[in-house]
Amino acid sequence: MDVRSYLSSTRFVVVVTAIAVAIPTGYFVTDLVGNESLGFLTMFVLGVSVPRTYSRSWPEHDARWHGVAWAVGACAAALVVVLVAHVATSTVLDEFWAAVGAFLVVELLLSAASRSLESAEAGTGGEEDPSSTDVEGSD
């Protein structure tokens, strides 16, 4: 893929949208929770992991607004998981390790989602419906 086609692709729109969401959200999380590690890891999840998941698992859309909508929705879902995982891990761990635990939970979930989508895509790719195939001698 050359630079021009990448800059006009939905994948690029997803990356830019995710980064645009990640930076202010990371600062907001830092102010809200008071945990700089969680704020940084939130920025990383939203700005790097979400676009990586799109690149690995989702088909390229023709409409750029699909990419924007996907990125905003995926960032919102990832943020909810980060915050819930942080609340759960902070009951047992200190600030830093709770942030790391929340990060790992989100990374594992994103990885599992990517793999399940890839395997579902591989399972349906190229297979024909048996009822639509012509069987030799079945007129």
C-alpha atoms as a PDB file:
ATOM      1  CA  MET A   1       0.000   0.000   0.000  1.00  0.00           C
ATOM      2  CA  ASP A   2       1.502   3.309  -1.008  1.00  0.00           C
ATOM      3  CA  VAL A   3       1.262   6.500   1.045  1.00  0.00           C
ATOM      4  CA  ARG A   4      -1.534   8.082  -0.979  1.00  0.00           C
ATOM      5  CA  SER A   5      -3.808   5.098  -0.786  1.00  0.00           C
ATOM      6  CA  TYR A   6      -3.083   4.700   2.937  1.00  0.00           C
ATOM      7  CA  LEU A   7      -3.899   8.358   3.646  1.00  0.00           C
ATOM      8  CA  SER A   8      -7.211   7.966   1.846  1.00  0.00           C
ATOM      9  CA  SER A   9      -8.074   4.633   3.468  1.00  0.00           C
ATOM     10  CA  THR A  10     -10.523   3.912   6.229  1.00  0.00           C
ATOM     11  CA  ARG A  11      -7.669   2.367   8.227  1.00  0.00           C
ATOM     12  CA  PHE A  12      -5.972   5.782   8.408  1.00  0.00           C
ATOM     13  CA  VAL A  13      -9.237   7.400   9.500  1.00  0.00           C
ATOM     14  CA  VAL A  14      -9.543   4.812  12.287  1.00  0.00           C
ATOM     15  CA  VAL A  15      -5.991   5.541  13.487  1.00  0.00           C
ATOM     16  CA  VAL A  16      -6.473   9.321  13.481  1.00  0.00           C
ATOM     17  CA  THR A  17      -9.867   9.085  15.173  1.00  0.00           C
ATOM     18  CA  ALA A  18      -8.580   6.719  17.845  1.00  0.00           C
ATOM     19  CA  ILE A  19      -5.611   8.989  18.600  1.00  0.00           C
ATOM     20  CA  ALA A  20      -7.890  12.034  18.701  1.00  0.00           C
ATOM     21  CA  VAL A  21     -10.074  10.229  21.232  1.00  0.00           C
ATOM     22  CA  ALA A  22      -7.166   8.712  23.182  1.00  0.00           C
ATOM     23  CA  ILE A  23      -5.236  11.845  24.129  1.00  0.00           C
ATOM     24  CA  PRO A  24      -7.987  13.846  25.861  1.00  0.00           C
ATOM     25  CA  THR A  25      -9.474  10.660  27.328  1.00  0.00           C
ATOM     26  CA  GLY A  26      -6.133   9.722  28.865  1.00  0.00           C
ATOM     27  CA  TYR A  27      -5.855  13.130  30.505  1.00  0.00           C
ATOM     28  CA  PHE A  28      -9.466  12.896  31.698  1.00  0.00           C
ATOM     29  CA  VAL A  29      -8.867   9.461  33.228  1.00  0.00           C
ATOM     30  CA  THR A  30      -5.714  10.746  34.952  1.00  0.00           C
ATOM     31  CA  ASP A  31      -7.674  13.638  36.469  1.00  0.00           C
ATOM     32  CA  LEU A  32     -10.680  11.477  37.326  1.00  0.00           C
ATOM     33  CA  VAL A  33      -8.843   8.610  38.993  1.00  0.00           C
ATOM     34  CA  GLY A  34      -5.633  10.374  39.999  1.00  0.00           C
ATOM     35  CA  ASN A  35      -3.522   7.562  38.557  1.00  0.00           C
ATOM     36  CA  GLU A  36      -1.036   8.697  35.903  1.00  0.00           C
ATOM     37  CA  SER A  37      -0.182   5.113  34.981  1.00  0.00           C
ATOM     38  CA  LEU A  38      -3.814   4.372  34.224  1.00  0.00           C
ATOM     39  CA  GLY A  39      -4.091   7.560  32.152  1.00  0.00           C
ATOM     40  CA  PHE A  40      -1.047   6.633  30.083  1.00  0.00           C
ATOM     41  CA  LEU A  41      -2.156   3.044  29.583  1.00  0.00           C
ATOM     42  CA  THR A  42      -5.633   4.260  28.623  1.00  0.00           C
ATOM     43  CA  MET A  43      -4.063   6.449  25.944  1.00  0.00           C
ATOM     44  CA  PHE A  44      -2.058   3.467  24.738  1.00  0.00           C
ATOM     45  CA  VAL A  45      -5.070   1.144  24.593  1.00  0.00           C
ATOM     46  CA  LEU A  46      -7.263   3.650  22.780  1.00  0.00           C
ATOM     47  CA  GLY A  47      -4.607   5.085  20.474  1.00  0.00           C
ATOM     48  CA  VAL A  48      -2.662   1.923  19.591  1.00  0.00           C
ATOM     49  CA  SER A  49      -4.534  -1.238  20.514  1.00  0.00           C
ATOM     50  CA  VAL A  50      -7.919  -0.232  19.111  1.00  0.00           C
ATOM     51  CA  PRO A  51      -6.542   0.664  15.635  1.00  0.00           C
ATOM     52  CA  ARG A  52      -4.392  -2.472  15.683  1.00  0.00           C
ATOM     53  CA  THR A  53      -7.514  -4.553  16.319  1.00  0.00           C
ATOM     54  CA  TYR A  54      -9.243  -2.867  13.380  1.00  0.00           C
ATOM     55  CA  SER A  55      -6.269  -3.536  11.107  1.00  0.00           C
ATOM     56  CA  ARG A  56      -6.095  -7.193  12.094  1.00  0.00           C
ATOM     57  CA  SER A  57      -9.741  -8.135  12.147  1.00  0.00           C
ATOM     58  CA  TRP A  58     -12.118  -5.830  10.349  1.00  0.00           C
ATOM     59  CA  PRO A  59     -12.695  -5.576   6.626  1.00  0.00           C
ATOM     60  CA  GLU A  60     -11.859  -2.308   4.932  1.00  0.00           C
ATOM     61  CA  HIS A  61     -14.967  -0.157   4.516  1.00  0.00           C
ATOM     62  CA  ASP A  62     -15.513   2.190   1.610  1.00  0.00           C
ATOM     63  CA  ALA A  63     -17.115   4.928   3.691  1.00  0.00           C
ATOM     64  CA  ARG A  64     -14.767   6.793   6.004  1.00  0.00           C
ATOM     65  CA  TRP A  65     -17.538   7.587   8.437  1.00  0.00           C
ATOM     66  CA  HIS A  66     -17.823   3.826   9.086  1.00  0.00           C
ATOM     67  CA  GLY A  67     -14.224   3.964  10.281  1.00  0.00           C
ATOM     68  CA  VAL A  68     -14.912   6.983  12.478  1.00  0.00           C
ATOM     69  CA  ALA A  69     -17.977   5.322  13.987  1.00  0.00           C
ATOM     70  CA  TRP A  70     -16.096   2.060  14.514  1.00  0.00           C
ATOM     71  CA  ALA A  71     -13.169   3.830  16.202  1.00  0.00           C
ATOM     72  CA  VAL A  72     -15.383   5.896  18.518  1.00  0.00           C
ATOM     73  CA  GLY A  73     -17.467   2.860  19.458  1.00  0.00           C
ATOM     74  CA  ALA A  74     -14.447   0.631  20.016  1.00  0.00           C
ATOM     75  CA  CYS A  75     -12.723   3.339  22.082  1.00  0.00           C
ATOM     76  CA  ALA A  76     -15.838   3.735  24.222  1.00  0.00           C
ATOM     77  CA  ALA A  77     -16.075  -0.019  24.782  1.00  0.00           C
ATOM     78  CA  ALA A  78     -12.365  -0.295  25.571  1.00  0.00           C
ATOM     79  CA  LEU A  79     -12.591   2.631  28.002  1.00  0.00           C
ATOM     80  CA  VAL A  80     -15.458   0.991  29.876  1.00  0.00           C
ATOM     81  CA  VAL A  81     -13.480  -2.247  30.131  1.00  0.00           C
ATOM     82  CA  VAL A  82     -10.369  -0.365  31.319  1.00  0.00           C
ATOM     83  CA  LEU A  83     -12.298   1.444  34.040  1.00  0.00           C
ATOM     84  CA  VAL A  84     -14.192  -1.642  35.208  1.00  0.00           C
ATOM     85  CA  ALA A  85     -11.004  -3.721  35.210  1.00  0.00           C
ATOM     86  CA  HIS A  86      -9.209  -0.967  37.133  1.00  0.00           C
ATOM     87  CA  VAL A  87     -11.917  -0.870  39.783  1.00  0.00           C
ATOM     88  CA  ALA A  88     -11.753  -4.664  40.076  1.00  0.00           C
ATOM     89  CA  THR A  89      -7.964  -4.854  40.254  1.00  0.00           C
ATOM     90  CA  SER A  90      -7.553  -1.846  42.537  1.00  0.00           C
ATOM     91  CA  THR A  91      -9.343  -3.714  45.312  1.00  0.00           C
ATOM     92  CA  VAL A  92      -6.404  -6.118  45.475  1.00  0.00           C
ATOM     93  CA  LEU A  93      -3.431  -4.232  43.999  1.00  0.00           C
ATOM     94  CA  ASP A  94      -1.837  -0.829  44.453  1.00  0.00           C
ATOM     95  CA  GLU A  95      -2.241   2.019  41.898  1.00  0.00           C
ATOM     96  CA  PHE A  96       0.447   1.035  39.415  1.00  0.00           C
ATOM     97  CA  TRP A  97      -0.309  -2.686  39.358  1.00  0.00           C
ATOM     98  CA  ALA A  98      -4.045  -2.041  39.173  1.00  0.00           C
ATOM     99  CA  ALA A  99      -3.408   0.036  36.032  1.00  0.00           C
ATOM    100  CA  VAL A 100      -1.208  -2.699  34.579  1.00  0.00           C
ATOM    101  CA  GLY A 101      -3.869  -5.291  35.406  1.00  0.00           C
ATOM    102  CA  ALA A 102      -6.573  -3.231  33.700  1.00  0.00           C
ATOM    103  CA  PHE A 103      -4.320  -2.809  30.656  1.00  0.00           C
ATOM    104  CA  LEU A 104      -3.669  -6.545  30.456  1.00  0.00           C
ATOM    105  CA  VAL A 105      -7.373  -7.353  30.726  1.00  0.00           C
ATOM    106  CA  VAL A 106      -8.174  -5.068  27.796  1.00  0.00           C
ATOM    107  CA  GLU A 107      -5.274  -6.365  25.711  1.00  0.00           C
ATOM    108  CA  LEU A 108      -6.344  -9.955  26.289  1.00  0.00           C
ATOM    109  CA  LEU A 109      -9.949  -9.172  25.382  1.00  0.00           C
ATOM    110  CA  LEU A 110      -8.934  -7.305  22.221  1.00  0.00           C
ATOM    111  CA  SER A 111      -6.650 -10.162  21.237  1.00  0.00           C
ATOM    112  CA  ALA A 112      -9.399 -12.711  21.846  1.00  0.00           C
ATOM    113  CA  ALA A 113     -11.855 -10.621  19.818  1.00  0.00           C
ATOM    114  CA  SER A 114      -9.370 -10.378  16.945  1.00  0.00           C
ATOM    115  CA  ARG A 115      -8.712 -14.096  16.951  1.00  0.00           C
ATOM    116  CA  SER A 116     -12.372 -15.036  17.106  1.00  0.00           C
ATOM    117  CA  LEU A 117     -13.175 -12.693  14.220  1.00  0.00           C
ATOM    118  CA  GLU A 118     -10.246 -14.037  12.202  1.00  0.00           C
ATOM    119  CA  SER A 119     -11.280 -17.643  12.806  1.00  0.00           C
ATOM    120  CA  ALA A 120     -14.913 -16.861  11.961  1.00  0.00           C
ATOM    121  CA  GLU A 121     -13.758 -15.159   8.775  1.00  0.00           C
ATOM    122  CA  ALA A 122     -11.519 -18.098   7.886  1.00  0.00           C
ATOM    123  CA  GLY A 123     -14.337 -20.542   8.602  1.00  0.00           C
ATOM    124  CA  THR A 124     -16.737 -18.829   6.211  1.00  0.00           C
ATOM    125  CA  GLY A 125     -14.219 -17.743   3.611  1.00  0.00           C
ATOM    126  CA  GLY A 126     -14.359 -19.620   0.366  1.00  0.00           C
ATOM    127  CA  GLU A 127     -16.831 -22.286   1.443  1.00  0.00           C
ATOM    128  CA  GLU A 128     -19.922 -22.749  -0.650  1.00  0.00           C
ATOM    129  CA  ASP A 129     -23.343 -23.541   0.662  1.00  0.00           C
ATOM    130  CA  PRO A 130     -23.816 -27.310   0.134  1.00  0.00           C
ATOM    131  CA  SER A 131     -27.434 -26.817  -0.943  1.00  0.00           C
ATOM    132  CA  SER A 132     -26.386 -24.526  -3.781  1.00  0.00           C
ATOM    133  CA  THR A 133     -23.716 -26.784  -5.294  1.00  0.00           C
ATOM    134  CA  ASP A 134     -24.586 -28.901  -8.270  1.00  0.00           C
ATOM    135  CA  VAL A 135     -24.111 -32.576  -7.588  1.00  0.00           C
ATOM    136  CA  GLU A 136     -23.033 -34.742 -10.506  1.00  0.00           C
ATOM    137  CA  GLY A 137     -26.055 -36.410 -12.041  1.00  0.00           C
ATOM    138  CA  SER A 138     -28.744 -34.684  -9.999  1.00  0.00           C
ATOM    139  CA  ASP A 139     -31.047 -33.255 -12.635  1.00  0.00           C
END
